[in-house]
Amino acid sequence: MKPFPKLHDLYVGRTVLGTVALTWAVLAGLDVMLGLVSEFGDIGKGKYGLSEAFVYMALSVPRRLYYLFPYAAVIGSLMALGQLAATSELTALRALGLSRRRLGLAVAGALALLTALMVINGESIAPWTQQRADALKANAKSGNTVMAQYSGLWAREGETILSAAGGQERERNGDRWLELHGVTLFEFAPDGHMHSMAYARIAEHRPGGWLLRDVTRTHFEERSVRQEKIPEERWKSQLDAAALSAGTERPRYLSAMDLRNAIQYRKRNDLDASEFEEHYWGRWFYPINVLALCLAAVPFAFGTLRSGGMGKRLFIGIVFSLIFWQLQTQAVGLAKVVKFDLRFAYLLPTIIMLAVSYFLFKRRSG
């Protein structure tokens, strides 16, 4: 095979990218419009008005683009290749020596760039903007920034249970930290008896643990109760902002790093981490699924798509996407029920779709 890419590879890639981008824009536009309509029900609550709804939707766009990209990729690829087949351009390219395998590589190479950008977006921009969007909405509706981010928190770390009235992220001179207000720590002995309780006006998450300020600690001794006041106290704990945010935010909106921290926190404290593991491994298989699904759609460009119109290509693309994601959803759900490895559940539908595609590819090559 000749070095990649050549002029015909660039032409196919440019066609695919253009059609995918157009399809992506249409899907995103429809999704944003439907999302904005759903926000109308919250307008008028507190200070949440039409302008806040528009800002909220604008901040949610990176997250929406991330989740819509796989659908746009397969539908756009099918439409692009079908159009090339309908205008006999694929026939001309085949006459120039473009093999079907080379065509698949050209499609994969073009989509790999967008997939990489979406992976970066899903791990950085999308979680950050979605958190800001949720904070803005909650702040406008309640008038309380603390309530918007960390409200009514409960968390467990070993034999200690934390309760906080609220909190917020602070930043000063480039230093960022999580600050909780009205924090109560219930400390239990291994036999289940509470041996002390501490109330801190403020708890700041710093490297190495937490700094508790204005602490009132109550000790429950065998026949008496003793209380002491401490200006500052260190609490060495692995409980961090990621673990706390995982308790207040939907796992699908967290980055892979935050999901991993949340999983470690839950396993460390014997809590159920299955939902977080589902989304964590989903992030790892996201680029694999996108590229595999688009490659699996390539054989359709050499068959019925040549004689079909845009409506037919769109229908096949939607059906193909829905079948794949339905297979994966069912496999992941079954894996959670029977306690099977989620990595295999994510990989199995990809293998099935690629096997079917390979069979069609070989059949139409004969």
Protein backbone atom coordinates (compact mmCIF):
# COMPACT_ATOMS: atom_id res chain seq x y z
CA MET A 1 0.00 0.00 0.00
CA LYS A 2 1.34 3.43 -0.96
CA PRO A 3 2.21 6.02 1.69
CA PHE A 4 -0.78 7.73 3.28
CA PRO A 5 -2.26 10.20 2.50
CA LYS A 6 -2.49 10.74 -1.23
CA LEU A 7 -4.59 13.23 -3.19
CA HIS A 8 -7.57 10.87 -3.45
CA ASP A 9 -7.37 10.17 0.29
CA LEU A 10 -7.51 13.89 1.01
CA TYR A 11 -10.45 14.30 -1.35
CA VAL A 12 -12.46 11.53 0.33
CA GLY A 13 -11.49 12.80 3.77
CA ARG A 14 -12.50 16.36 2.95
CA THR A 15 -15.85 15.18 1.60
CA VAL A 16 -16.50 13.08 4.69
CA LEU A 17 -15.48 15.87 7.08
CA GLY A 18 -17.69 18.39 5.33
CA THR A 19 -20.76 16.16 5.39
CA VAL A 20 -20.15 15.09 9.00
CA ALA A 21 -19.77 18.73 10.06
CA LEU A 22 -23.02 19.68 8.34
CA THR A 23 -24.87 16.72 9.87
CA TRP A 24 -23.37 17.51 13.27
CA ALA A 25 -24.49 21.14 13.05
CA VAL A 26 -28.05 20.12 12.17
CA LEU A 27 -28.27 17.59 15.01
CA ALA A 28 -26.75 20.04 17.50
CA GLY A 29 -29.07 22.82 16.38
CA LEU A 30 -32.14 20.62 16.86
CA ASP A 31 -30.88 19.41 20.24
CA VAL A 32 -30.22 22.96 21.45
CA MET A 33 -33.65 24.14 20.28
CA LEU A 34 -35.40 21.27 22.06
CA GLY A 35 -33.29 21.90 25.16
CA LEU A 36 -34.18 25.60 25.13
CA VAL A 37 -37.88 24.76 24.89
CA SER A 38 -37.53 22.49 27.93
CA GLU A 39 -35.92 25.38 29.84
CA PHE A 40 -39.00 27.56 29.39
CA GLY A 41 -40.64 25.71 32.28
CA ASP A 42 -37.98 27.06 34.68
CA ILE A 43 -38.10 30.65 33.46
CA GLY A 44 -39.52 32.91 36.14
CA LYS A 45 -38.22 30.85 39.06
CA GLY A 46 -36.11 33.21 41.14
CA LYS A 47 -33.93 35.30 38.85
CA TYR A 48 -33.82 32.68 36.11
CA GLY A 49 -34.99 34.52 33.00
CA LEU A 50 -34.74 34.18 29.23
CA SER A 51 -31.19 35.56 29.08
CA GLU A 52 -30.02 33.09 31.74
CA ALA A 53 -31.66 30.27 29.77
CA PHE A 54 -29.75 31.27 26.62
CA VAL A 55 -26.47 31.42 28.56
CA TYR A 56 -27.20 28.04 30.13
CA MET A 57 -27.82 26.49 26.73
CA ALA A 58 -24.69 28.10 25.28
CA LEU A 59 -22.57 26.65 28.09
CA SER A 60 -24.09 23.21 27.52
CA VAL A 61 -23.16 23.15 23.81
CA PRO A 62 -19.70 21.48 24.27
CA ARG A 63 -21.32 18.65 26.23
CA ARG A 64 -24.06 18.24 23.62
CA LEU A 65 -21.52 18.19 20.78
CA TYR A 66 -19.61 15.42 22.57
CA TYR A 67 -22.62 13.11 22.88
CA LEU A 68 -24.00 13.86 19.41
CA PHE A 69 -20.73 13.31 17.55
CA PRO A 70 -20.97 9.49 17.17
CA TYR A 71 -24.39 9.83 15.52
CA ALA A 72 -23.22 12.67 13.30
CA ALA A 73 -20.08 10.71 12.35
CA VAL A 74 -21.85 7.57 11.11
CA ILE A 75 -24.75 9.39 9.44
CA GLY A 76 -22.44 11.96 7.82
CA SER A 77 -20.01 9.27 6.64
CA LEU A 78 -22.79 7.25 5.05
CA MET A 79 -24.23 10.31 3.35
CA ALA A 80 -20.81 11.40 2.05
CA LEU A 81 -19.85 7.97 0.71
CA GLY A 82 -23.32 7.42 -0.68
CA GLN A 83 -23.13 10.73 -2.53
CA LEU A 84 -19.73 9.80 -3.96
CA ALA A 85 -21.15 6.45 -5.04
CA ALA A 86 -24.30 8.01 -6.56
CA THR A 87 -22.22 10.41 -8.69
CA SER A 88 -19.88 7.56 -9.78
CA GLU A 89 -16.92 9.29 -8.15
CA LEU A 90 -16.15 6.14 -6.17
CA THR A 91 -16.10 4.21 -9.43
CA ALA A 92 -13.60 6.70 -10.84
CA LEU A 93 -11.47 6.50 -7.72
CA ARG A 94 -11.53 2.69 -7.90
CA ALA A 95 -10.35 2.92 -11.50
CA LEU A 96 -7.40 5.00 -10.25
CA GLY A 97 -6.46 2.17 -7.86
CA LEU A 98 -8.32 3.16 -4.68
CA SER A 99 -9.13 -0.12 -2.91
CA ARG A 100 -12.00 -0.52 -0.51
CA ARG A 101 -9.54 -0.98 2.32
CA ARG A 102 -7.89 2.29 1.34
CA LEU A 103 -11.29 3.96 1.33
CA GLY A 104 -11.92 2.76 4.89
CA LEU A 105 -8.56 4.14 6.00
CA ALA A 106 -9.30 7.48 4.36
CA VAL A 107 -12.62 7.70 6.24
CA ALA A 108 -11.02 6.63 9.53
CA GLY A 109 -8.14 9.08 9.12
CA ALA A 110 -10.49 11.98 8.50
CA LEU A 111 -12.72 11.14 11.46
CA ALA A 112 -9.77 10.43 13.78
CA LEU A 113 -9.03 14.16 13.92
CA LEU A 114 -12.56 15.07 14.99
CA THR A 115 -12.66 12.14 17.40
CA ALA A 116 -9.44 13.29 19.07
CA LEU A 117 -10.85 16.80 19.44
CA MET A 118 -14.03 15.39 21.00
CA VAL A 119 -12.02 13.27 23.45
CA ILE A 120 -10.15 16.39 24.56
CA ASN A 121 -13.42 18.30 24.75
CA GLY A 122 -15.05 15.54 26.81
CA GLU A 123 -12.21 15.59 29.33
CA SER A 124 -11.75 19.35 29.70
CA ILE A 125 -14.11 21.86 28.13
CA ALA A 126 -17.44 19.99 28.31
CA PRO A 127 -17.31 19.08 32.05
CA TRP A 128 -16.12 22.58 32.99
CA THR A 129 -18.78 24.43 30.98
CA GLN A 130 -21.55 22.05 32.12
CA GLN A 131 -20.60 22.61 35.76
CA ARG A 132 -20.68 26.36 35.19
CA ALA A 133 -24.04 26.05 33.44
CA ASP A 134 -25.54 24.06 36.33
CA ALA A 135 -24.08 26.51 38.85
CA LEU A 136 -25.47 29.50 36.94
CA LYS A 137 -28.94 27.96 36.73
CA ALA A 138 -29.06 26.94 40.38
CA ASN A 139 -27.69 30.31 41.47
CA ALA A 140 -30.30 32.19 39.43
CA LYS A 141 -33.13 30.03 40.75
CA SER A 142 -32.07 30.06 44.41
CA GLY A 143 -29.92 33.20 44.63
CA ASN A 144 -27.22 31.22 46.43
CA THR A 145 -23.95 30.25 44.75
CA VAL A 146 -23.14 27.81 47.54
CA MET A 147 -26.38 25.97 46.95
CA ALA A 148 -25.57 25.88 43.26
CA GLN A 149 -22.43 23.83 43.64
CA TYR A 150 -22.29 21.89 46.91
CA SER A 151 -25.55 21.80 48.82
CA GLY A 152 -26.58 19.50 51.63
CA LEU A 153 -23.55 17.23 51.26
CA TRP A 154 -23.15 13.87 52.91
CA ALA A 155 -20.01 11.80 52.43
CA ARG A 156 -18.20 8.94 54.10
CA GLU A 157 -14.47 8.45 54.58
CA GLY A 158 -13.55 5.31 56.48
CA GLU A 159 -15.22 5.45 59.91
CA THR A 160 -16.03 9.15 59.54
CA ILE A 161 -19.23 10.60 58.06
CA LEU A 162 -19.20 14.21 56.83
CA SER A 163 -22.19 16.51 56.62
CA ALA A 164 -21.94 20.03 55.19
CA ALA A 165 -24.56 22.73 54.80
CA GLY A 166 -22.94 23.99 51.61
CA GLY A 167 -19.72 25.03 49.93
CA GLN A 168 -18.02 26.59 46.97
CA GLU A 169 -14.77 26.60 45.04
CA ARG A 170 -12.53 29.56 45.78
CA GLU A 171 -9.52 30.99 43.95
CA ARG A 172 -6.90 33.49 45.06
CA ASN A 173 -3.61 34.36 43.37
CA GLY A 174 -3.79 31.27 41.19
CA ASP A 175 -4.51 28.98 44.16
CA ARG A 176 -7.81 27.07 43.99
CA TRP A 177 -9.45 25.12 46.79
CA LEU A 178 -12.79 23.76 47.92
CA GLU A 179 -14.38 25.44 50.94
CA LEU A 180 -17.28 23.87 52.85
CA HIS A 181 -19.47 25.65 55.40
CA GLY A 182 -21.23 24.27 58.45
CA VAL A 183 -19.33 21.00 58.49
CA THR A 184 -20.11 18.23 60.99
CA LEU A 185 -17.87 15.17 61.31
CA PHE A 186 -19.35 12.09 62.97
CA GLU A 187 -16.51 9.77 63.99
CA PHE A 188 -17.36 6.15 64.78
CA ALA A 189 -15.42 3.34 66.41
CA PRO A 190 -15.03 0.02 64.53
CA ASP A 191 -17.84 -1.47 66.66
CA GLY A 192 -20.28 1.19 65.36
CA HIS A 193 -20.40 3.47 68.42
CA MET A 194 -19.87 7.18 67.86
CA HIS A 195 -16.94 8.30 69.99
CA SER A 196 -16.74 11.96 68.91
CA MET A 197 -18.42 14.64 66.86
CA ALA A 198 -16.82 17.79 65.51
CA TYR A 199 -18.47 20.92 64.14
CA ALA A 200 -16.33 23.25 62.00
CA ARG A 201 -17.53 26.59 60.75
CA ILE A 202 -15.29 26.25 57.66
CA ALA A 203 -13.41 23.32 56.15
CA GLU A 204 -10.84 24.01 53.41
CA HIS A 205 -9.46 21.24 51.20
CA ARG A 206 -5.69 21.66 51.06
CA PRO A 207 -2.82 19.42 49.91
CA GLY A 208 -2.56 16.53 52.34
CA GLY A 209 -6.07 16.82 53.76
CA TRP A 210 -8.52 19.33 55.19
CA LEU A 211 -8.01 22.41 57.34
CA LEU A 212 -10.87 22.82 59.82
CA ARG A 213 -11.47 26.30 61.30
CA ASP A 214 -13.40 27.26 64.45
CA VAL A 215 -13.87 23.66 65.56
CA THR A 216 -16.09 22.55 68.41
CA ARG A 217 -15.32 18.91 69.19
CA THR A 218 -17.49 16.76 71.47
CA HIS A 219 -16.04 13.54 72.95
CA PHE A 220 -18.45 10.83 74.09
CA GLU A 221 -16.66 9.01 76.87
CA GLU A 222 -17.92 6.02 78.81
CA ARG A 223 -19.73 7.99 81.53
CA SER A 224 -19.35 11.59 80.47
CA VAL A 225 -19.31 14.03 77.59
CA ARG A 226 -16.39 16.36 77.10
CA GLN A 227 -16.30 19.37 74.78
CA GLU A 228 -13.39 21.45 73.54
CA LYS A 229 -12.94 24.36 71.15
CA ILE A 230 -10.03 24.36 68.68
CA PRO A 231 -9.17 27.34 66.44
CA GLU A 232 -7.65 25.16 63.69
CA GLU A 233 -7.36 21.43 63.20
CA ARG A 234 -5.97 19.22 60.44
CA TRP A 235 -8.03 16.30 59.15
CA LYS A 236 -5.98 13.87 57.09
CA SER A 237 -8.41 12.44 54.55
CA GLN A 238 -8.44 11.31 50.93
CA LEU A 239 -11.89 12.81 50.47
CA ASP A 240 -11.49 15.54 47.84
CA ALA A 241 -13.52 17.86 45.63
CA ALA A 242 -13.91 15.23 42.91
CA ALA A 243 -15.47 12.75 45.33
CA LEU A 244 -17.82 15.41 46.69
CA SER A 245 -18.83 16.69 43.27
CA ALA A 246 -19.54 13.12 42.18
CA GLY A 247 -22.21 12.97 44.84
CA THR A 248 -23.97 16.09 43.60
CA GLU A 249 -23.44 15.89 39.82
CA ARG A 250 -24.54 13.34 37.25
CA PRO A 251 -21.69 10.89 36.50
CA ARG A 252 -22.08 11.31 32.74
CA TYR A 253 -21.05 14.97 33.10
CA LEU A 254 -17.79 14.21 34.94
CA SER A 255 -14.37 13.84 33.33
CA ALA A 256 -12.61 10.48 33.29
CA MET A 257 -10.23 11.64 36.04
CA ASP A 258 -13.11 12.70 38.30
CA LEU A 259 -14.91 9.44 37.55
CA ARG A 260 -11.80 7.46 38.49
CA ASN A 261 -11.46 9.39 41.76
CA ALA A 262 -15.14 8.83 42.51
CA ILE A 263 -14.77 5.08 41.84
CA GLN A 264 -11.75 4.84 44.14
CA TYR A 265 -13.60 6.76 46.85
CA ARG A 266 -16.66 4.50 46.63
CA LYS A 267 -14.66 1.28 46.63
CA ARG A 268 -12.59 2.56 49.53
CA ASN A 269 -15.76 3.05 51.54
CA ASP A 270 -17.64 -0.08 50.34
CA LEU A 271 -20.13 1.94 48.28
CA ASP A 272 -21.69 1.03 44.94
CA ALA A 273 -19.51 2.36 42.09
CA SER A 274 -21.19 0.59 39.15
CA GLU A 275 -22.77 3.72 37.66
CA PHE A 276 -19.45 5.57 37.73
CA GLU A 277 -17.59 2.56 36.27
CA GLU A 278 -20.13 2.43 33.43
CA HIS A 279 -19.43 6.01 32.41
CA TYR A 280 -15.68 5.72 33.09
CA TRP A 281 -15.21 2.82 30.67
CA GLY A 282 -17.62 4.48 28.27
CA ARG A 283 -15.14 7.36 28.04
CA TRP A 284 -12.30 4.97 27.19
CA PHE A 285 -14.29 3.18 24.49
CA TYR A 286 -15.75 6.39 23.03
CA PRO A 287 -13.09 6.86 20.28
CA ILE A 288 -12.99 3.12 19.54
CA ASN A 289 -16.75 2.99 19.10
CA VAL A 290 -16.88 6.05 16.84
CA LEU A 291 -14.19 4.82 14.45
CA ALA A 292 -15.40 1.21 14.49
CA LEU A 293 -18.99 2.24 13.80
CA CYS A 294 -17.97 4.42 10.85
CA LEU A 295 -15.72 1.71 9.42
CA ALA A 296 -18.57 -0.79 9.79
CA ALA A 297 -20.75 1.51 7.67
CA VAL A 298 -18.28 1.68 4.75
CA PRO A 299 -19.57 -1.47 2.92
CA PHE A 300 -23.00 0.13 2.53
CA ALA A 301 -21.43 2.73 0.22
CA PHE A 302 -20.82 0.02 -2.39
CA GLY A 303 -24.29 -1.49 -2.37
CA THR A 304 -27.79 -0.09 -2.04
CA LEU A 305 -26.61 3.45 -1.32
CA ARG A 306 -25.51 3.87 -4.92
CA SER A 307 -29.08 3.73 -6.13
CA GLY A 308 -30.67 5.45 -3.13
CA GLY A 309 -31.29 9.08 -2.40
CA MET A 310 -30.33 11.17 0.60
CA GLY A 311 -33.40 10.02 2.52
CA LYS A 312 -32.37 6.39 2.15
CA ARG A 313 -28.82 7.08 3.29
CA LEU A 314 -30.10 9.06 6.27
CA PHE A 315 -32.49 6.26 7.22
CA ILE A 316 -29.79 3.57 7.02
CA GLY A 317 -27.39 5.72 9.02
CA ILE A 318 -29.92 6.32 11.79
CA VAL A 319 -30.94 2.64 11.92
CA PHE A 320 -27.30 1.53 11.93
CA SER A 321 -26.47 3.90 14.82
CA LEU A 322 -29.51 2.92 16.85
CA ILE A 323 -28.81 -0.80 16.46
CA PHE A 324 -25.24 -0.35 17.62
CA TRP A 325 -26.02 1.82 20.64
CA GLN A 326 -28.96 -0.41 21.59
CA LEU A 327 -26.68 -3.45 21.51
CA GLN A 328 -24.15 -1.66 23.66
CA THR A 329 -26.75 -0.38 26.12
CA GLN A 330 -28.19 -3.86 26.58
CA ALA A 331 -24.71 -5.41 26.93
CA VAL A 332 -23.65 -2.86 29.56
CA GLY A 333 -26.93 -3.25 31.44
CA LEU A 334 -26.57 -7.04 31.45
CA ALA A 335 -22.97 -6.76 32.62
CA LYS A 336 -24.04 -4.61 35.58
CA VAL A 337 -26.73 -7.12 36.56
CA VAL A 338 -24.55 -10.24 36.35
CA LYS A 339 -21.45 -8.40 37.65
CA PHE A 340 -19.51 -8.99 34.45
CA ASP A 341 -16.51 -6.98 33.21
CA LEU A 342 -17.82 -3.74 31.69
CA ARG A 343 -14.88 -3.56 29.30
CA PHE A 344 -16.06 -6.71 27.57
CA ALA A 345 -19.62 -5.36 27.47
CA TYR A 346 -18.41 -2.26 25.64
CA LEU A 347 -16.19 -4.26 23.30
CA LEU A 348 -18.67 -7.00 22.33
CA PRO A 349 -21.08 -4.83 20.23
CA THR A 350 -18.11 -3.32 18.41
CA ILE A 351 -16.82 -6.78 17.51
CA ILE A 352 -20.28 -7.88 16.34
CA MET A 353 -20.80 -4.82 14.11
CA LEU A 354 -17.30 -5.10 12.63
CA ALA A 355 -17.82 -8.83 11.96
CA VAL A 356 -21.09 -8.13 10.13
CA SER A 357 -19.44 -5.32 8.21
CA TYR A 358 -16.49 -7.55 7.25
CA PHE A 359 -18.90 -10.23 6.00
CA LEU A 360 -20.72 -7.67 3.82
CA PHE A 361 -17.39 -6.23 2.70
CA LYS A 362 -16.08 -9.61 1.53
CA ARG A 363 -19.39 -10.51 -0.05
CA ARG A 364 -19.52 -7.36 -2.13
CA SER A 365 -15.87 -7.67 -3.01
CA GLY A 366 -16.48 -11.05 -4.58
